[in-house]
Amino acid sequence: MAAPVRVGFTHVHSIRLASGPEALVARVALEGGGEGYGFNLALDPAPARDMAAWDAFARRRGLPFAEALGGRRRERVPVELDEQPALKPDWDEARRAMFERRYKLLRVDPFAWGSVELVLSIGAAAAALDTPVALLAPNAHPWEVAYAAALAATFPGNVKVIQRANPEAPAAEAPRVPGLGVGWALEPAFASIRWLGR
């Protein structure tokens, strides 16, 4: 299931990040007006499009991402270094492992799961089973940290953001601006994209 919006047009574009790697950036234009943006450094367009649709949904309503997803539960999310592997994106296995209490900390890469709703479902199930969750920013890019913090702000229970490189700050703010609150201007290549469908 995707964001509760009718998408009129989608454009995915590849950019080179200032640090060197490539990223996919998506723009979703909604039927009836409004647009949103998403990204993925793993070069899979599906999570970028899904993120963009949810960003568009939040922007059109004038709400921060967390509030558009059902409510902000926290203002700040701790960011920590953790090099342990993330949970494989397999819902049946994840649910079974949670019920069997195999995890002291459920490490979830939101980009690998490809869907905002799946990540939120994991968070709800983990909270019901009193299992702490860590949302991974796999490349420690500021966009990833911001997205993980925006998602984590909606989670019930114990949640934090983890990255595999040394974090710059001990906590990330849950955005208060409409949409994701990702600082797109951090990457100069983003401003140079010539979006189709405008």
C-alpha atoms as a PDB file:
ATOM      1  CA  MET A   1       0.000   0.000   0.000  1.00  0.00           C
ATOM      2  CA  ALA A   2       1.324   3.439  -0.876  1.00  0.00           C
ATOM      3  CA  ALA A   3       0.725   6.878   0.578  1.00  0.00           C
ATOM      4  CA  PRO A   4      -2.984   7.803   0.628  1.00  0.00           C
ATOM      5  CA  VAL A   5      -2.687  10.107  -2.392  1.00  0.00           C
ATOM      6  CA  ARG A   6      -3.313   9.906  -6.118  1.00  0.00           C
ATOM      7  CA  VAL A   7      -0.018  10.302  -7.927  1.00  0.00           C
ATOM      8  CA  GLY A   8      -0.168  12.219 -11.184  1.00  0.00           C
ATOM      9  CA  PHE A   9       3.490  12.017 -12.189  1.00  0.00           C
ATOM     10  CA  THR A  10       6.738  10.530 -10.918  1.00  0.00           C
ATOM     11  CA  HIS A  11      10.281  11.334 -11.984  1.00  0.00           C
ATOM     12  CA  VAL A  12      13.386   9.581 -10.607  1.00  0.00           C
ATOM     13  CA  HIS A  13      16.745  11.150 -11.267  1.00  0.00           C
ATOM     14  CA  SER A  14      20.307  10.047 -10.490  1.00  0.00           C
ATOM     15  CA  ILE A  15      22.688  12.566  -8.931  1.00  0.00           C
ATOM     16  CA  ARG A  16      26.293  12.478  -7.768  1.00  0.00           C
ATOM     17  CA  LEU A  17      26.592  13.400  -4.088  1.00  0.00           C
ATOM     18  CA  ALA A  18      29.266  15.890  -3.032  1.00  0.00           C
ATOM     19  CA  SER A  19      31.022  13.040  -1.190  1.00  0.00           C
ATOM     20  CA  GLY A  20      31.243  10.985  -4.415  1.00  0.00           C
ATOM     21  CA  PRO A  21      28.591   8.234  -4.385  1.00  0.00           C
ATOM     22  CA  GLU A  22      25.520   8.242  -6.567  1.00  0.00           C
ATOM     23  CA  ALA A  23      21.967   8.618  -5.232  1.00  0.00           C
ATOM     24  CA  LEU A  24      18.513   8.351  -6.704  1.00  0.00           C
ATOM     25  CA  VAL A  25      16.164  11.241  -6.028  1.00  0.00           C
ATOM     26  CA  ALA A  26      12.443  11.032  -6.770  1.00  0.00           C
ATOM     27  CA  ARG A  27       9.821  13.719  -7.268  1.00  0.00           C
ATOM     28  CA  VAL A  28       6.143  12.837  -7.042  1.00  0.00           C
ATOM     29  CA  ALA A  29       3.511  15.286  -8.305  1.00  0.00           C
ATOM     30  CA  LEU A  30       0.030  14.649  -6.958  1.00  0.00           C
ATOM     31  CA  GLU A  31      -3.211  14.852  -8.877  1.00  0.00           C
ATOM     32  CA  GLY A  32      -4.826  18.107  -7.865  1.00  0.00           C
ATOM     33  CA  GLY A  33      -1.532  19.759  -6.892  1.00  0.00           C
ATOM     34  CA  GLY A  34       1.318  19.282  -4.504  1.00  0.00           C
ATOM     35  CA  GLU A  35       4.633  17.534  -4.760  1.00  0.00           C
ATOM     36  CA  GLY A  36       7.122  15.691  -2.626  1.00  0.00           C
ATOM     37  CA  TYR A  37      10.652  14.323  -2.784  1.00  0.00           C
ATOM     38  CA  GLY A  38      12.399  11.145  -1.749  1.00  0.00           C
ATOM     39  CA  PHE A  39      15.829   9.563  -2.162  1.00  0.00           C
ATOM     40  CA  ASN A  40      17.789   6.352  -1.852  1.00  0.00           C
ATOM     41  CA  LEU A  41      21.553   5.941  -1.778  1.00  0.00           C
ATOM     42  CA  ALA A  42      21.165   2.195  -2.448  1.00  0.00           C
ATOM     43  CA  LEU A  43      19.963   3.014  -5.989  1.00  0.00           C
ATOM     44  CA  ASP A  44      16.576   1.289  -5.679  1.00  0.00           C
ATOM     45  CA  PRO A  45      13.885   3.677  -6.948  1.00  0.00           C
ATOM     46  CA  ALA A  46      10.973   2.070  -5.050  1.00  0.00           C
ATOM     47  CA  PRO A  47      11.848   3.469  -1.573  1.00  0.00           C
ATOM     48  CA  ALA A  48      12.571   6.896  -3.095  1.00  0.00           C
ATOM     49  CA  ARG A  49       9.156   6.992  -4.815  1.00  0.00           C
ATOM     50  CA  ASP A  50       7.329   5.791  -1.696  1.00  0.00           C
ATOM     51  CA  MET A  51       9.103   8.379   0.450  1.00  0.00           C
ATOM     52  CA  ALA A  52       8.276  11.107  -2.089  1.00  0.00           C
ATOM     53  CA  ALA A  53       4.590  10.159  -2.093  1.00  0.00           C
ATOM     54  CA  TRP A  54       4.438  10.385   1.710  1.00  0.00           C
ATOM     55  CA  ASP A  55       6.367  13.677   1.617  1.00  0.00           C
ATOM     56  CA  ALA A  56       3.820  15.022  -0.883  1.00  0.00           C
ATOM     57  CA  PHE A  57       0.960  13.829   1.323  1.00  0.00           C
ATOM     58  CA  ALA A  58       2.420  15.637   4.352  1.00  0.00           C
ATOM     59  CA  ARG A  59       3.260  18.816   2.425  1.00  0.00           C
ATOM     60  CA  ARG A  60      -0.200  19.047   0.870  1.00  0.00           C
ATOM     61  CA  ARG A  61      -1.702  18.868   4.359  1.00  0.00           C
ATOM     62  CA  GLY A  62       0.852  21.358   5.705  1.00  0.00           C
ATOM     63  CA  LEU A  63       2.035  18.853   8.309  1.00  0.00           C
ATOM     64  CA  PRO A  64       5.445  17.622   9.404  1.00  0.00           C
ATOM     65  CA  PHE A  65       6.074  14.035   8.296  1.00  0.00           C
ATOM     66  CA  ALA A  66       5.565  12.526  11.771  1.00  0.00           C
ATOM     67  CA  GLU A  67       2.238  14.275  12.260  1.00  0.00           C
ATOM     68  CA  ALA A  68       1.010  13.217   8.808  1.00  0.00           C
ATOM     69  CA  LEU A  69       1.828   9.610   9.764  1.00  0.00           C
ATOM     70  CA  GLY A  70      -0.333   9.732  12.872  1.00  0.00           C
ATOM     71  CA  GLY A  71       1.489  11.851  15.407  1.00  0.00           C
ATOM     72  CA  ARG A  72       4.800  12.911  16.843  1.00  0.00           C
ATOM     73  CA  ARG A  73       5.795  10.950  19.936  1.00  0.00           C
ATOM     74  CA  ARG A  74       9.151  12.625  20.513  1.00  0.00           C
ATOM     75  CA  GLU A  75      11.043  15.782  19.554  1.00  0.00           C
ATOM     76  CA  ARG A  76      14.568  14.375  19.537  1.00  0.00           C
ATOM     77  CA  VAL A  77      15.892  10.952  18.648  1.00  0.00           C
ATOM     78  CA  PRO A  78      19.252   9.661  19.898  1.00  0.00           C
ATOM     79  CA  VAL A  79      21.826   8.922  17.189  1.00  0.00           C
ATOM     80  CA  GLU A  80      24.440   6.270  17.951  1.00  0.00           C
ATOM     81  CA  LEU A  81      27.210   4.312  16.296  1.00  0.00           C
ATOM     82  CA  ASP A  82      26.323   0.650  15.701  1.00  0.00           C
ATOM     83  CA  GLU A  83      28.002  -1.635  13.183  1.00  0.00           C
ATOM     84  CA  GLN A  84      25.810  -4.702  13.723  1.00  0.00           C
ATOM     85  CA  PRO A  85      23.823  -5.950  10.697  1.00  0.00           C
ATOM     86  CA  ALA A  86      20.280  -4.801  10.092  1.00  0.00           C
ATOM     87  CA  LEU A  87      17.297  -7.116  10.002  1.00  0.00           C
ATOM     88  CA  LYS A  88      16.730  -8.731   6.599  1.00  0.00           C
ATOM     89  CA  PRO A  89      13.645  -7.278   4.887  1.00  0.00           C
ATOM     90  CA  ASP A  90      11.432 -10.333   5.398  1.00  0.00           C
ATOM     91  CA  TRP A  91       8.237  -9.542   7.336  1.00  0.00           C
ATOM     92  CA  ASP A  92       7.366 -13.152   8.210  1.00  0.00           C
ATOM     93  CA  GLU A  93      10.846 -13.838   9.575  1.00  0.00           C
ATOM     94  CA  ALA A  94      10.958 -10.504  11.430  1.00  0.00           C
ATOM     95  CA  ARG A  95       7.590 -11.140  13.083  1.00  0.00           C
ATOM     96  CA  ARG A  96       8.579 -14.684  14.055  1.00  0.00           C
ATOM     97  CA  ALA A  97      11.880 -13.457  15.508  1.00  0.00           C
ATOM     98  CA  MET A  98      10.113 -10.748  17.519  1.00  0.00           C
ATOM     99  CA  PHE A  99       7.607 -13.249  18.970  1.00  0.00           C
ATOM    100  CA  GLU A 100      10.464 -15.588  19.843  1.00  0.00           C
ATOM    101  CA  ARG A 101      12.281 -12.670  21.522  1.00  0.00           C
ATOM    102  CA  ARG A 102      15.440 -13.229  19.461  1.00  0.00           C
ATOM    103  CA  TYR A 103      16.359  -9.527  19.444  1.00  0.00           C
ATOM    104  CA  LYS A 104      17.464  -7.268  22.250  1.00  0.00           C
ATOM    105  CA  LEU A 105      17.507  -4.463  19.664  1.00  0.00           C
ATOM    106  CA  LEU A 106      15.715  -4.638  16.332  1.00  0.00           C
ATOM    107  CA  ARG A 107      17.967  -2.929  13.740  1.00  0.00           C
ATOM    108  CA  VAL A 108      15.865  -1.835  10.746  1.00  0.00           C
ATOM    109  CA  ASP A 109      17.164  -0.300   7.531  1.00  0.00           C
ATOM    110  CA  PRO A 110      14.103   1.691   6.341  1.00  0.00           C
ATOM    111  CA  PHE A 111      15.524   1.892   2.811  1.00  0.00           C
ATOM    112  CA  ALA A 112      15.846  -1.899   2.496  1.00  0.00           C
ATOM    113  CA  TRP A 113      12.192  -2.425   3.437  1.00  0.00           C
ATOM    114  CA  GLY A 114      11.092  -0.055   0.656  1.00  0.00           C
ATOM    115  CA  SER A 115       7.883   1.125   2.308  1.00  0.00           C
ATOM    116  CA  VAL A 116       7.070   3.644   5.010  1.00  0.00           C
ATOM    117  CA  GLU A 117       4.108   1.499   6.060  1.00  0.00           C
ATOM    118  CA  LEU A 118       6.202  -1.647   6.523  1.00  0.00           C
ATOM    119  CA  VAL A 119       8.665   0.233   8.706  1.00  0.00           C
ATOM    120  CA  LEU A 120       5.818   1.687  10.785  1.00  0.00           C
ATOM    121  CA  SER A 121       4.307  -1.806  11.135  1.00  0.00           C
ATOM    122  CA  ILE A 122       7.625  -3.111  12.431  1.00  0.00           C
ATOM    123  CA  GLY A 123       7.731  -0.261  14.937  1.00  0.00           C
ATOM    124  CA  ALA A 124       4.204  -0.984  16.167  1.00  0.00           C
ATOM    125  CA  ALA A 125       4.880  -4.724  16.498  1.00  0.00           C
ATOM    126  CA  ALA A 126       8.180  -4.106  18.295  1.00  0.00           C
ATOM    127  CA  ALA A 127       6.511  -1.691  20.750  1.00  0.00           C
ATOM    128  CA  ALA A 128       3.737  -4.214  21.455  1.00  0.00           C
ATOM    129  CA  LEU A 129       6.418  -6.783  22.283  1.00  0.00           C
ATOM    130  CA  ASP A 130       8.531  -4.258  24.213  1.00  0.00           C
ATOM    131  CA  THR A 131      11.462  -4.644  21.805  1.00  0.00           C
ATOM    132  CA  PRO A 132      13.639  -1.542  21.237  1.00  0.00           C
ATOM    133  CA  VAL A 133      14.108  -0.438  17.611  1.00  0.00           C
ATOM    134  CA  ALA A 134      17.032   1.234  15.877  1.00  0.00           C
ATOM    135  CA  LEU A 135      16.486   2.793  12.453  1.00  0.00           C
ATOM    136  CA  LEU A 136      19.625   2.623  10.357  1.00  0.00           C
ATOM    137  CA  ALA A 137      21.077   5.491   8.348  1.00  0.00           C
ATOM    138  CA  PRO A 138      23.237   3.067   6.306  1.00  0.00           C
ATOM    139  CA  ASN A 139      25.660   5.590   4.825  1.00  0.00           C
ATOM    140  CA  ALA A 140      25.479   8.143   7.660  1.00  0.00           C
ATOM    141  CA  HIS A 141      24.390  10.761   5.106  1.00  0.00           C
ATOM    142  CA  PRO A 142      22.520  13.717   6.663  1.00  0.00           C
ATOM    143  CA  TRP A 143      19.495  12.993   4.429  1.00  0.00           C
ATOM    144  CA  GLU A 144      19.351   9.431   5.799  1.00  0.00           C
ATOM    145  CA  VAL A 145      19.670  10.601   9.395  1.00  0.00           C
ATOM    146  CA  ALA A 146      16.905  13.183   8.873  1.00  0.00           C
ATOM    147  CA  TYR A 147      14.585  10.597   7.306  1.00  0.00           C
ATOM    148  CA  ALA A 148      15.258   8.028  10.030  1.00  0.00           C
ATOM    149  CA  ALA A 149      14.621  10.687  12.698  1.00  0.00           C
ATOM    150  CA  ALA A 150      11.350  11.720  11.022  1.00  0.00           C
ATOM    151  CA  LEU A 151      10.191   8.084  11.039  1.00  0.00           C
ATOM    152  CA  ALA A 152      11.453   7.458  14.573  1.00  0.00           C
ATOM    153  CA  ALA A 153       9.488  10.447  15.854  1.00  0.00           C
ATOM    154  CA  THR A 154       6.300   8.468  15.137  1.00  0.00           C
ATOM    155  CA  PHE A 155       7.366   5.233  16.844  1.00  0.00           C
ATOM    156  CA  PRO A 156       5.867   4.123  20.120  1.00  0.00           C
ATOM    157  CA  GLY A 157       8.299   2.548  22.548  1.00  0.00           C
ATOM    158  CA  ASN A 158      12.075   2.723  22.638  1.00  0.00           C
ATOM    159  CA  VAL A 159      13.653   3.924  19.356  1.00  0.00           C
ATOM    160  CA  LYS A 160      16.912   5.455  18.176  1.00  0.00           C
ATOM    161  CA  VAL A 161      18.813   6.111  14.952  1.00  0.00           C
ATOM    162  CA  ILE A 162      22.028   4.233  14.280  1.00  0.00           C
ATOM    163  CA  GLN A 163      24.721   4.708  11.689  1.00  0.00           C
ATOM    164  CA  ARG A 164      27.874   2.859  10.811  1.00  0.00           C
ATOM    165  CA  ALA A 165      30.109   5.911  10.825  1.00  0.00           C
ATOM    166  CA  ASN A 166      30.796   8.197  13.754  1.00  0.00           C
ATOM    167  CA  PRO A 167      27.714  10.357  14.346  1.00  0.00           C
ATOM    168  CA  GLU A 168      28.197  14.118  14.277  1.00  0.00           C
ATOM    169  CA  ALA A 169      25.502  14.761  16.883  1.00  0.00           C
ATOM    170  CA  PRO A 170      24.156  12.721  19.803  1.00  0.00           C
ATOM    171  CA  ALA A 171      20.556  13.359  18.687  1.00  0.00           C
ATOM    172  CA  ALA A 172      18.542  14.312  15.624  1.00  0.00           C
ATOM    173  CA  GLU A 173      15.568  16.649  15.691  1.00  0.00           C
ATOM    174  CA  ALA A 174      12.200  15.473  14.459  1.00  0.00           C
ATOM    175  CA  PRO A 175      11.371  18.003  11.700  1.00  0.00           C
ATOM    176  CA  ARG A 176       8.678  20.621  12.359  1.00  0.00           C
ATOM    177  CA  VAL A 177       8.322  21.903   8.777  1.00  0.00           C
ATOM    178  CA  PRO A 178       5.733  20.424   6.396  1.00  0.00           C
ATOM    179  CA  GLY A 179       6.934  17.212   4.765  1.00  0.00           C
ATOM    180  CA  LEU A 180      10.072  15.229   5.481  1.00  0.00           C
ATOM    181  CA  GLY A 181      12.183  18.153   6.573  1.00  0.00           C
ATOM    182  CA  VAL A 182      15.213  16.817   4.685  1.00  0.00           C
ATOM    183  CA  GLY A 183      17.797  19.489   3.873  1.00  0.00           C
ATOM    184  CA  TRP A 184      17.863  19.002   0.110  1.00  0.00           C
ATOM    185  CA  ALA A 185      20.201  21.987  -0.292  1.00  0.00           C
ATOM    186  CA  LEU A 186      22.972  19.996   1.454  1.00  0.00           C
ATOM    187  CA  GLU A 187      23.657  18.416  -1.940  1.00  0.00           C
ATOM    188  CA  PRO A 188      24.410  20.975  -4.688  1.00  0.00           C
ATOM    189  CA  ALA A 189      23.415  18.488  -7.412  1.00  0.00           C
ATOM    190  CA  PHE A 190      19.823  18.452  -6.123  1.00  0.00           C
ATOM    191  CA  ALA A 191      19.282  22.094  -7.147  1.00  0.00           C
ATOM    192  CA  SER A 192      20.509  21.386 -10.675  1.00  0.00           C
ATOM    193  CA  ILE A 193      17.937  18.654 -11.438  1.00  0.00           C
ATOM    194  CA  ARG A 194      15.626  19.507 -14.315  1.00  0.00           C
ATOM    195  CA  TRP A 195      12.472  17.799 -13.153  1.00  0.00           C
ATOM    196  CA  LEU A 196      10.156  16.490 -15.850  1.00  0.00           C
ATOM    197  CA  GLY A 197       6.440  17.162 -15.622  1.00  0.00           C
ATOM    198  CA  ARG A 198       6.684  20.748 -14.392  1.00  0.00           C
END
